Amino acid sequence: MAQVLEFKLPDLGEGLTEAEIVRWLVEVGDVVAVDQPVVEVETAKAMVEVPCPYGGVVTARFGAEGTELPVGAPLLTVAVGEAAEGRAGGGTDTADAAASGAAPGRGTASEGSGNVLVGYGTSEAPARRRRVRPGETAPPAPAARAVNGESRAAEPAGAHARVSGAAEGPVPVISPLVRRLARQNGLDLREMTGSGPDGLILRADVEYALRAAAAPGRTDATVGAPETRPDPAGAPEPAAHAGTPAVTRVPLKGIRGAVADKLSRSRAEIPDATCWVDADATELMRARAAMNAAGGPKISVLALLARICTAALARFPELNSSVDTGAREIVRYEGVHLGFAAQTDRGLVVPVVRDAHTRDAESLTAEFARLTEAARAGTLTPAELTGGTFTLNNYGVFGVDGSTPIINHPEAAMLGVGRIVPKPWVHEGELAVRQVVQLSFTFDHRVCDGGTAGGFLRYVADCVEQPAVLLRTL
């Protein structure tokens, strides 16, 4: 007999709690191997292909493309065992489990790497028996079918005989809270149309349906009508008035949501301050031109600035740190994991160059290029987006001179670099046209005083103006 195992959305690392299904890589009925990628999801940090820890036949998928699932929610079920029986749909009551809010049934199998991502360790899936209600006999194994354009496990005969006129297939509900609220108020979720992605029923839909059912003059047919449902977020739209502009609501989720949370936390927790200085970058640009003229891989300006940052942090280690508010301690890091801001089509991300203090300009250039390409392709791993100790932000690429950066929480400082442009400058006592850049430095005032921050920024500016200053630390 084939046994049906449930694969849940695993923890994708570093505190991530949900992911959005971008693209299914398998169909119901497909044969999958252990650790074969089955779905591409987008988290708040990156696009990730999720491998299945079981080998067998896919019997059900949970969630259409565009649906956001919490960690631990079912992704799919796989029939493990004899292929012929698995392909015929051998398994447990997946549809009934989805309708009742319980996890679909699953058995044991010797084949499988556990409910984990590749490289996160392995374990065998625990056995679990399906409970049979009093007076009910165990139904035959379901066959795969399609519901609303999404392949699902077929519902066993009689499993929902208690629901009169109910639609077939799993109820599109993720939250146990929504199921409980409907159950406590005697509301049949199968008669509702959700306002979430692909008809997902949200708490706001249930609350609206309950209010509508209690209102005089309403009938069951009008309960949950989508054309009169309020905003899914539960916030009522303002009353329409003449001249009032139309509004568009953009969900704060994925990368945009993660950035919003981190920036809000930074401003709420970190007492930051910013200082800035203009610097003559003419000699730095000449030094770069000389390096590139000597042959070999081209050196980027960002790599030279990164090298300057690591040298400055060696002189001012107070700024390569974070604050542990619970322990009321400043945590100083021995090495520099240098983050850099990268703008992509998916939003702002901050890839991290590991051990930047050990790299030369050529190595830094190569690593910046690799991470930037991966960021734009959406293939950065969670490990490549976390663990930074200091951030370099080159907003000069946007054609602006200055900014007051928000610290990348929980780090303690960020150096901002504006555009390098020709400007009038007094050089050796005479007015001349020089390549000038504005440097801004935002720091956590808890880890140091202004003298330390000013000393760091002045050293950076000195290295920009006279790159030979770096020779003392090489």
Protein backbone atom coordinates (compact mmCIF):
# COMPACT_ATOMS: atom_id res chain seq x y z
CA MET A 1 0.00 0.00 0.00
CA ALA A 2 1.18 3.49 -0.78
CA GLN A 3 1.32 5.89 2.17
CA VAL A 4 0.56 9.60 1.84
CA LEU A 5 3.03 11.94 3.54
CA GLU A 6 2.41 15.61 4.10
CA PHE A 7 5.17 18.11 3.37
CA LYS A 8 4.81 21.38 5.24
CA LEU A 9 6.42 24.71 4.39
CA PRO A 10 9.76 24.50 6.24
CA ASP A 11 11.53 27.20 8.19
CA LEU A 12 13.52 29.00 5.50
CA GLY A 13 15.86 30.58 8.01
CA GLU A 14 16.56 33.65 10.15
CA GLY A 15 13.12 34.26 11.66
CA LEU A 16 11.05 34.05 8.47
CA THR A 17 7.43 33.22 9.29
CA GLU A 18 5.73 33.08 5.90
CA ALA A 19 6.36 32.78 2.18
CA GLU A 20 4.39 33.48 -1.00
CA ILE A 21 3.98 30.79 -3.63
CA VAL A 22 5.46 32.16 -6.85
CA ARG A 23 5.46 29.11 -9.10
CA TRP A 24 4.65 25.44 -8.75
CA LEU A 25 7.32 23.21 -10.28
CA VAL A 26 5.26 20.01 -10.17
CA GLU A 27 1.69 18.96 -10.95
CA VAL A 28 -0.56 16.50 -9.15
CA GLY A 29 0.31 13.05 -10.49
CA ASP A 30 3.97 13.88 -11.10
CA VAL A 31 6.62 11.53 -9.73
CA VAL A 32 9.17 13.40 -7.58
CA ALA A 33 12.51 12.31 -6.16
CA VAL A 34 13.86 13.02 -2.70
CA ASP A 35 15.09 16.64 -2.43
CA GLN A 36 13.66 17.58 -5.84
CA PRO A 37 12.50 21.25 -5.94
CA VAL A 38 8.70 21.30 -6.08
CA VAL A 39 7.77 24.97 -5.60
CA GLU A 40 9.37 28.39 -5.87
CA VAL A 41 8.45 30.75 -3.04
CA GLU A 42 9.29 34.34 -2.22
CA THR A 43 10.13 35.23 1.34
CA ALA A 44 10.86 38.59 2.85
CA LYS A 45 14.50 37.98 1.99
CA ALA A 46 14.79 36.04 -1.26
CA MET A 47 13.29 33.73 -3.86
CA VAL A 48 13.80 30.12 -2.82
CA GLU A 49 13.18 26.79 -4.52
CA VAL A 50 11.83 24.43 -1.88
CA PRO A 51 12.85 20.76 -2.23
CA CYS A 52 10.54 17.94 -1.20
CA PRO A 53 11.98 15.54 1.39
CA TYR A 54 9.94 12.59 0.07
CA GLY A 55 10.09 10.54 -3.09
CA GLY A 56 6.82 9.40 -4.66
CA VAL A 57 3.73 10.67 -6.48
CA VAL A 58 2.27 14.12 -5.80
CA THR A 59 -1.36 13.65 -4.71
CA ALA A 60 -2.28 17.20 -3.69
CA ARG A 61 -1.02 20.77 -3.69
CA PHE A 62 -2.11 23.38 -1.18
CA GLY A 63 -2.24 27.01 -2.27
CA ALA A 64 -2.42 28.63 -5.67
CA GLU A 65 0.34 30.81 -7.06
CA GLY A 66 0.25 34.15 -5.29
CA THR A 67 -1.00 32.66 -2.00
CA GLU A 68 0.95 33.50 1.14
CA LEU A 69 1.45 30.58 3.52
CA PRO A 70 2.80 30.57 7.08
CA VAL A 71 5.71 28.34 8.03
CA GLY A 72 4.31 24.95 8.99
CA ALA A 73 1.32 25.10 6.63
CA PRO A 74 0.85 22.12 4.26
CA LEU A 75 2.50 22.54 0.86
CA LEU A 76 1.71 19.22 -0.78
CA THR A 77 1.17 15.53 -0.11
CA VAL A 78 3.17 12.70 -1.67
CA ALA A 79 2.15 9.05 -1.99
CA VAL A 80 5.20 6.99 -1.03
CA GLY A 81 5.36 3.29 -1.75
CA GLU A 82 4.28 1.32 -4.80
CA ALA A 83 4.18 3.73 -7.71
CA ALA A 84 1.11 2.22 -9.29
CA GLU A 85 -0.95 2.60 -6.14
CA GLY A 86 0.44 6.09 -5.51
CA ARG A 87 -0.41 7.19 -9.04
CA ALA A 88 -3.93 5.85 -8.54
CA GLY A 89 -4.36 8.21 -5.61
CA GLY A 90 -3.63 6.06 -2.56
CA GLY A 91 -3.65 8.17 0.61
CA THR A 92 -5.63 9.54 3.49
CA ASP A 93 -8.45 11.97 3.89
CA THR A 94 -6.57 15.12 2.80
CA ALA A 95 -9.64 17.10 1.76
CA ASP A 96 -11.49 16.37 5.00
CA ALA A 97 -8.44 17.41 7.02
CA ALA A 98 -8.25 20.67 5.13
CA ALA A 99 -11.95 21.37 5.69
CA SER A 100 -11.79 20.69 9.44
CA GLY A 101 -8.60 22.67 10.04
CA ALA A 102 -6.57 19.59 10.95
CA ALA A 103 -3.41 18.50 9.19
CA PRO A 104 -3.97 15.92 6.44
CA GLY A 105 -3.23 12.34 7.40
CA ARG A 106 0.10 10.78 6.70
CA GLY A 107 1.92 7.51 7.29
CA THR A 108 5.46 6.44 7.80
CA ALA A 109 8.04 5.86 5.13
CA SER A 110 11.61 4.77 5.02
CA GLU A 111 12.24 7.02 2.07
CA GLY A 112 12.50 10.73 2.80
CA SER A 113 14.77 13.37 4.26
CA GLY A 114 12.25 14.83 6.68
CA ASN A 115 10.36 18.11 6.69
CA VAL A 116 13.45 20.23 6.02
CA LEU A 117 15.38 22.06 3.34
CA VAL A 118 18.46 20.49 1.75
CA GLY A 119 21.41 20.96 4.09
CA TYR A 120 19.31 21.55 7.22
CA GLY A 121 19.55 17.96 8.52
CA THR A 122 17.30 14.94 8.08
CA SER A 123 14.73 13.00 10.04
CA GLU A 124 12.06 10.46 9.29
CA ALA A 125 8.46 11.61 9.13
CA PRO A 126 6.46 10.43 12.16
CA ALA A 127 3.57 8.06 11.69
CA ARG A 128 0.06 9.31 12.18
CA ARG A 129 -3.30 7.53 12.03
CA ARG A 130 -6.47 9.12 10.79
CA ARG A 131 -9.14 9.24 13.47
CA VAL A 132 -12.48 7.70 12.49
CA ARG A 133 -15.58 9.31 13.95
CA PRO A 134 -18.03 7.11 15.87
CA GLY A 135 -20.24 5.22 13.46
CA GLU A 136 -18.03 6.12 10.50
CA THR A 137 -15.97 3.71 8.50
CA ALA A 138 -12.65 4.62 7.00
CA PRO A 139 -13.19 5.90 3.43
CA PRO A 140 -11.30 4.59 0.44
CA ALA A 141 -8.19 6.43 -0.72
CA PRO A 142 -8.97 9.61 -2.71
CA ALA A 143 -7.98 10.21 -6.30
CA ALA A 144 -6.45 13.44 -7.51
CA ARG A 145 -8.70 15.98 -9.18
CA ALA A 146 -8.81 19.70 -9.93
CA VAL A 147 -10.74 22.29 -7.92
CA ASN A 148 -11.06 25.88 -9.13
CA GLY A 149 -8.08 25.41 -11.42
CA GLU A 150 -5.86 24.05 -8.61
CA SER A 151 -5.07 20.34 -8.31
CA ARG A 152 -6.23 18.88 -5.00
CA ALA A 153 -6.76 15.51 -3.39
CA ALA A 154 -10.25 14.17 -4.04
CA GLU A 155 -12.72 14.23 -1.15
CA PRO A 156 -13.76 10.79 0.08
CA ALA A 157 -17.37 9.83 -0.44
CA GLY A 158 -19.53 10.74 2.51
CA ALA A 159 -16.82 12.71 4.26
CA HIS A 160 -18.93 15.87 4.11
CA ALA A 161 -22.41 14.45 3.99
CA ARG A 162 -23.16 16.60 7.03
CA VAL A 163 -22.76 19.72 4.85
CA SER A 164 -25.83 20.18 2.73
CA GLY A 165 -25.16 21.42 -0.78
CA ALA A 166 -21.52 22.21 0.04
CA ALA A 167 -19.01 22.68 -2.76
CA GLU A 168 -16.41 19.97 -3.21
CA GLY A 169 -12.77 20.37 -2.29
CA PRO A 170 -10.87 21.96 0.61
CA VAL A 171 -12.16 25.20 2.07
CA PRO A 172 -9.76 28.01 1.08
CA VAL A 173 -8.88 28.95 4.66
CA ILE A 174 -5.39 29.04 6.18
CA SER A 175 -5.91 30.60 9.60
CA PRO A 176 -7.20 28.34 12.40
CA LEU A 177 -8.63 31.50 13.99
CA VAL A 178 -10.90 32.02 10.98
CA ARG A 179 -12.12 28.42 11.16
CA ARG A 180 -12.83 28.68 14.89
CA LEU A 181 -14.68 31.98 14.51
CA ALA A 182 -16.90 30.48 11.81
CA ARG A 183 -17.48 27.28 13.76
CA GLN A 184 -18.44 29.11 16.97
CA ASN A 185 -21.01 31.17 15.08
CA GLY A 186 -22.41 28.32 12.97
CA LEU A 187 -21.17 29.83 9.70
CA ASP A 188 -20.59 27.46 6.76
CA LEU A 189 -17.32 28.51 5.15
CA ARG A 190 -18.12 26.48 2.02
CA GLU A 191 -20.89 28.93 1.14
CA MET A 192 -18.53 31.93 1.23
CA THR A 193 -16.33 33.55 -1.40
CA GLY A 194 -13.13 34.89 0.10
CA SER A 195 -11.63 38.28 -0.74
CA GLY A 196 -8.04 37.07 -0.43
CA PRO A 197 -5.83 35.75 -3.24
CA ASP A 198 -7.58 33.01 -5.21
CA GLY A 199 -10.65 33.23 -2.99
CA LEU A 200 -8.82 32.81 0.32
CA ILE A 201 -11.26 33.42 3.17
CA LEU A 202 -9.96 36.00 5.63
CA ARG A 203 -11.10 36.94 9.11
CA ALA A 204 -12.60 40.16 7.73
CA ASP A 205 -14.78 38.05 5.39
CA VAL A 206 -16.15 35.99 8.29
CA GLU A 207 -16.81 39.04 10.46
CA TYR A 208 -18.56 40.79 7.58
CA ALA A 209 -20.69 37.73 6.87
CA LEU A 210 -21.74 37.54 10.52
CA ARG A 211 -22.70 41.21 10.55
CA ALA A 212 -24.59 40.83 7.31
CA ALA A 213 -26.45 37.77 8.56
CA ALA A 214 -27.55 39.65 11.66
CA ALA A 215 -28.75 42.70 9.70
CA PRO A 216 -32.50 42.87 8.95
CA GLY A 217 -33.58 42.22 5.40
CA ARG A 218 -30.53 40.10 4.56
CA THR A 219 -30.79 36.57 3.21
CA ASP A 220 -28.33 33.69 3.20
CA ALA A 221 -27.78 34.23 -0.50
CA THR A 222 -26.33 37.68 0.13
CA VAL A 223 -24.05 36.72 2.98
CA GLY A 224 -20.44 37.13 1.95
CA ALA A 225 -21.26 38.75 -1.40
CA PRO A 226 -17.90 39.92 -2.77
CA GLU A 227 -19.25 43.03 -4.38
CA THR A 228 -20.22 44.48 -1.00
CA ARG A 229 -17.35 43.17 1.10
CA PRO A 230 -15.12 45.73 2.84
CA ASP A 231 -11.41 46.01 2.39
CA PRO A 232 -9.64 42.71 3.28
CA ALA A 233 -7.52 44.49 5.85
CA GLY A 234 -10.70 45.27 7.79
CA ALA A 235 -10.28 49.05 7.56
CA PRO A 236 -13.32 50.81 6.08
CA GLU A 237 -12.78 53.03 3.10
CA PRO A 238 -13.45 56.73 3.70
CA ALA A 239 -16.82 58.01 2.62
CA ALA A 240 -16.85 59.17 -0.98
CA HIS A 241 -17.11 62.92 -1.51
CA ALA A 242 -17.02 65.04 -4.59
CA GLY A 243 -13.42 65.51 -5.63
CA THR A 244 -12.09 62.72 -3.41
CA PRO A 245 -9.33 60.88 -5.30
CA ALA A 246 -9.49 57.14 -5.74
CA VAL A 247 -7.19 55.08 -3.54
CA THR A 248 -5.10 52.01 -4.20
CA ARG A 249 -4.02 49.73 -1.36
CA VAL A 250 -0.65 48.03 -1.73
CA PRO A 251 -0.02 45.18 0.74
CA LEU A 252 3.13 45.53 2.83
CA LYS A 253 4.43 42.02 2.33
CA GLY A 254 7.46 40.23 0.96
CA ILE A 255 10.59 42.34 0.68
CA ARG A 256 8.67 45.61 0.99
CA GLY A 257 7.07 44.43 4.22
CA ALA A 258 10.39 43.24 5.62
CA VAL A 259 12.06 46.56 4.79
CA ALA A 260 9.19 48.48 6.40
CA ASP A 261 9.44 46.41 9.59
CA LYS A 262 13.21 46.75 9.83
CA LEU A 263 13.26 50.50 9.19
CA SER A 264 10.44 51.10 11.66
CA ARG A 265 12.25 49.06 14.28
CA SER A 266 15.49 50.93 13.61
CA ARG A 267 13.88 54.32 14.10
CA ALA A 268 11.95 53.13 17.16
CA GLU A 269 14.91 51.53 18.96
CA ILE A 270 18.10 53.26 17.82
CA PRO A 271 18.94 56.83 18.91
CA ASP A 272 20.79 57.67 15.71
CA ALA A 273 22.71 60.76 14.71
CA THR A 274 24.20 61.80 11.38
CA CYS A 275 27.31 63.78 10.46
CA TRP A 276 28.65 64.49 6.99
CA VAL A 277 31.61 65.97 5.14
CA ASP A 278 32.56 66.85 1.57
CA ALA A 279 35.73 65.20 0.29
CA ASP A 280 37.93 65.68 -2.76
CA ALA A 281 37.84 62.27 -4.48
CA THR A 282 40.11 63.28 -7.38
CA GLU A 283 43.10 61.27 -6.16
CA LEU A 284 40.94 58.24 -5.39
CA MET A 285 39.61 58.25 -8.97
CA ARG A 286 43.16 58.62 -10.32
CA ALA A 287 44.33 55.70 -8.18
CA ARG A 288 41.49 53.55 -9.51
CA ALA A 289 42.32 54.50 -13.10
CA ALA A 290 45.96 53.53 -12.51
CA MET A 291 44.92 50.16 -11.03
CA ASN A 292 42.70 49.39 -14.00
CA ALA A 293 45.35 50.48 -16.47
CA ALA A 294 47.80 48.00 -14.97
CA GLY A 295 45.76 45.07 -16.29
CA GLY A 296 43.70 42.37 -14.62
CA PRO A 297 40.09 42.60 -13.45
CA LYS A 298 38.67 46.09 -13.18
CA ILE A 299 38.38 47.55 -9.70
CA SER A 300 35.10 49.25 -8.76
CA VAL A 301 34.75 52.47 -6.80
CA LEU A 302 32.51 50.63 -4.35
CA ALA A 303 35.29 48.13 -3.65
CA LEU A 304 37.76 50.93 -2.86
CA LEU A 305 35.24 52.57 -0.54
CA ALA A 306 34.64 49.19 1.14
CA ARG A 307 38.37 48.76 1.66
CA ILE A 308 38.48 52.21 3.24
CA CYS A 309 35.54 51.29 5.51
CA THR A 310 37.20 48.13 6.82
CA ALA A 311 40.41 50.06 7.53
CA ALA A 312 38.40 52.73 9.38
CA LEU A 313 36.55 50.10 11.43
CA ALA A 314 39.89 48.61 12.48
CA ARG A 315 40.76 52.02 13.95
CA PHE A 316 37.28 52.59 15.44
CA PRO A 317 35.99 49.13 16.43
CA GLU A 318 33.22 50.63 18.56
CA LEU A 319 31.25 51.13 15.34
CA ASN A 320 31.43 47.50 14.21
CA SER A 321 28.91 46.45 16.83
CA SER A 322 25.30 46.14 17.90
CA VAL A 323 23.36 46.71 21.12
CA ASP A 324 21.81 43.84 23.07
CA THR A 325 18.97 45.72 24.74
CA GLY A 326 17.90 42.75 26.85
CA ALA A 327 21.33 42.30 28.40
CA ARG A 328 22.13 46.04 28.23
CA GLU A 329 25.42 45.24 26.52
CA ILE A 330 27.29 46.46 23.45
CA VAL A 331 28.32 43.51 21.30
CA ARG A 332 31.52 44.21 19.33
CA TYR A 333 32.43 42.00 16.37
CA GLU A 334 35.96 40.90 15.58
CA GLY A 335 35.40 40.67 11.81
CA VAL A 336 33.52 42.85 9.36
CA HIS A 337 30.56 41.38 7.48
CA LEU A 338 29.91 44.29 5.15
CA GLY A 339 26.38 44.86 3.87
CA PHE A 340 25.72 47.05 0.85
CA ALA A 341 22.43 48.44 -0.36
CA ALA A 342 21.28 47.08 -3.72
CA GLN A 343 18.17 48.30 -5.53
CA THR A 344 16.30 45.59 -7.46
CA ASP A 345 12.96 45.19 -9.22
CA ARG A 346 11.74 43.42 -6.08
CA GLY A 347 12.80 46.24 -3.78
CA LEU A 348 15.79 47.25 -1.68
CA VAL A 349 17.95 44.41 -0.40
CA VAL A 350 21.21 44.40 1.55
CA PRO A 351 23.51 41.51 0.56
CA VAL A 352 26.41 40.82 2.91
CA VAL A 353 30.08 40.35 1.98
CA ARG A 354 31.46 37.94 4.55
CA ASP A 355 34.81 38.74 6.15
CA ALA A 356 35.25 41.89 4.10
CA HIS A 357 38.22 42.90 6.26
CA THR A 358 40.24 39.99 4.83
CA ARG A 359 39.59 40.86 1.16
CA ASP A 360 41.55 43.09 -1.17
CA ALA A 361 40.01 45.46 -3.71
CA GLU A 362 39.96 42.82 -6.46
CA SER A 363 38.21 40.25 -4.27
CA LEU A 364 35.71 42.84 -3.03
CA THR A 365 34.91 43.88 -6.61
CA ALA A 366 34.21 40.27 -7.61
CA GLU A 367 32.02 39.60 -4.58
CA PHE A 368 30.03 42.81 -5.03
CA ALA A 369 29.37 41.86 -8.66
CA ARG A 370 28.30 38.32 -7.76
CA LEU A 371 25.92 39.38 -5.00
CA THR A 372 24.45 42.23 -7.06
CA GLU A 373 23.68 39.87 -9.94
CA ALA A 374 22.09 37.37 -7.57
CA ALA A 375 20.04 40.16 -5.95
CA ARG A 376 18.63 41.28 -9.28
CA ALA A 377 17.87 37.69 -10.26
CA GLY A 378 16.16 37.08 -6.91
CA THR A 379 18.41 34.12 -6.08
CA LEU A 380 20.11 35.38 -2.94
CA THR A 381 19.94 32.92 -0.07
CA PRO A 382 18.84 33.97 3.44
CA ALA A 383 22.45 33.50 4.58
CA GLU A 384 23.62 36.05 1.99
CA LEU A 385 21.13 38.60 3.30
CA THR A 386 21.75 38.34 7.02
CA GLY A 387 24.52 38.69 9.57
CA GLY A 388 25.91 42.07 8.52
CA THR A 389 27.84 44.15 11.05
CA PHE A 390 28.19 47.40 9.05
CA THR A 391 26.51 48.75 5.90
CA LEU A 392 27.84 50.81 2.99
CA ASN A 393 25.14 52.69 1.08
CA ASN A 394 26.07 54.16 -2.31
CA TYR A 395 23.07 56.35 -3.11
CA GLY A 396 25.18 58.36 -5.56
CA VAL A 397 24.04 55.93 -8.27
CA PHE A 398 20.65 57.68 -8.07
CA GLY A 399 22.25 61.02 -8.95
CA VAL A 400 21.92 62.58 -5.49
CA ASP A 401 24.57 64.23 -3.35
CA GLY A 402 23.46 63.59 0.22
CA SER A 403 21.16 61.61 2.49
CA THR A 404 20.58 60.75 6.14
CA PRO A 405 20.60 56.93 6.04
CA ILE A 406 18.51 54.84 8.42
CA ILE A 407 20.69 52.29 10.20
CA ASN A 408 20.21 48.68 9.12
CA HIS A 409 18.99 47.24 12.43
CA PRO A 410 20.59 45.78 14.53
CA GLU A 411 23.85 47.26 13.25
CA ALA A 412 25.31 50.40 14.83
CA ALA A 413 26.38 52.47 11.83
CA MET A 414 26.07 53.09 8.09
CA LEU A 415 28.24 55.10 5.69
CA GLY A 416 26.41 56.86 2.85
CA VAL A 417 28.18 57.94 -0.33
CA GLY A 418 26.78 60.52 -2.75
CA ARG A 419 27.62 61.04 -6.41
CA ILE A 420 31.16 62.02 -7.40
CA VAL A 421 30.90 65.12 -9.58
CA PRO A 422 33.16 67.99 -10.73
CA LYS A 423 32.84 71.01 -8.41
CA PRO A 424 34.82 74.14 -7.60
CA TRP A 425 37.32 73.30 -4.85
CA VAL A 426 40.25 75.04 -3.23
CA HIS A 427 43.23 72.81 -3.95
CA GLU A 428 46.74 73.76 -2.75
CA GLY A 429 45.62 77.33 -2.16
CA GLU A 430 44.01 77.82 -5.56
CA LEU A 431 40.51 77.41 -6.91
CA ALA A 432 40.24 74.35 -9.15
CA VAL A 433 37.66 71.94 -10.52
CA ARG A 434 37.91 68.70 -8.55
CA GLN A 435 35.91 65.46 -8.24
CA VAL A 436 33.92 66.02 -5.04
CA VAL A 437 31.80 63.57 -3.05
CA GLN A 438 29.63 64.05 0.01
CA LEU A 439 30.01 61.38 2.72
CA SER A 440 27.31 60.97 5.38
CA PHE A 441 27.64 58.82 8.45
CA THR A 442 24.75 57.70 10.65
CA PHE A 443 25.61 56.00 13.93
CA ASP A 444 23.97 54.61 17.05
CA HIS A 445 24.72 57.13 19.77
CA ARG A 446 24.58 54.38 22.40
CA VAL A 447 27.78 52.72 21.17
CA CYS A 448 29.92 55.86 20.99
CA ASP A 449 30.00 59.62 21.28
CA GLY A 450 30.32 62.17 18.51
CA GLY A 451 34.10 62.25 18.79
CA THR A 452 34.38 58.61 17.73
CA ALA A 453 31.91 59.02 14.89
CA GLY A 454 33.64 62.20 13.71
CA GLY A 455 37.03 60.49 13.87
CA PHE A 456 35.74 57.58 11.76
CA LEU A 457 34.27 59.88 9.12
CA ARG A 458 37.35 62.09 9.01
CA TYR A 459 39.59 59.07 8.49
CA VAL A 460 37.35 57.86 5.64
CA ALA A 461 37.50 61.32 4.04
CA ASP A 462 41.29 61.43 4.42
CA CYS A 463 41.62 58.08 2.63
CA VAL A 464 39.33 59.29 -0.15
CA GLU A 465 41.41 62.44 -0.59
CA GLN A 466 44.79 60.71 -0.15
CA PRO A 467 44.55 56.97 -0.88
CA ALA A 468 48.18 56.57 0.21
CA VAL A 469 46.92 56.88 3.81
CA LEU A 470 45.69 53.30 3.39
CA LEU A 471 49.25 52.06 2.96
CA ARG A 472 49.71 52.33 6.74
CA THR A 473 47.16 49.51 7.25
CA LEU A 474 48.10 47.26 4.28
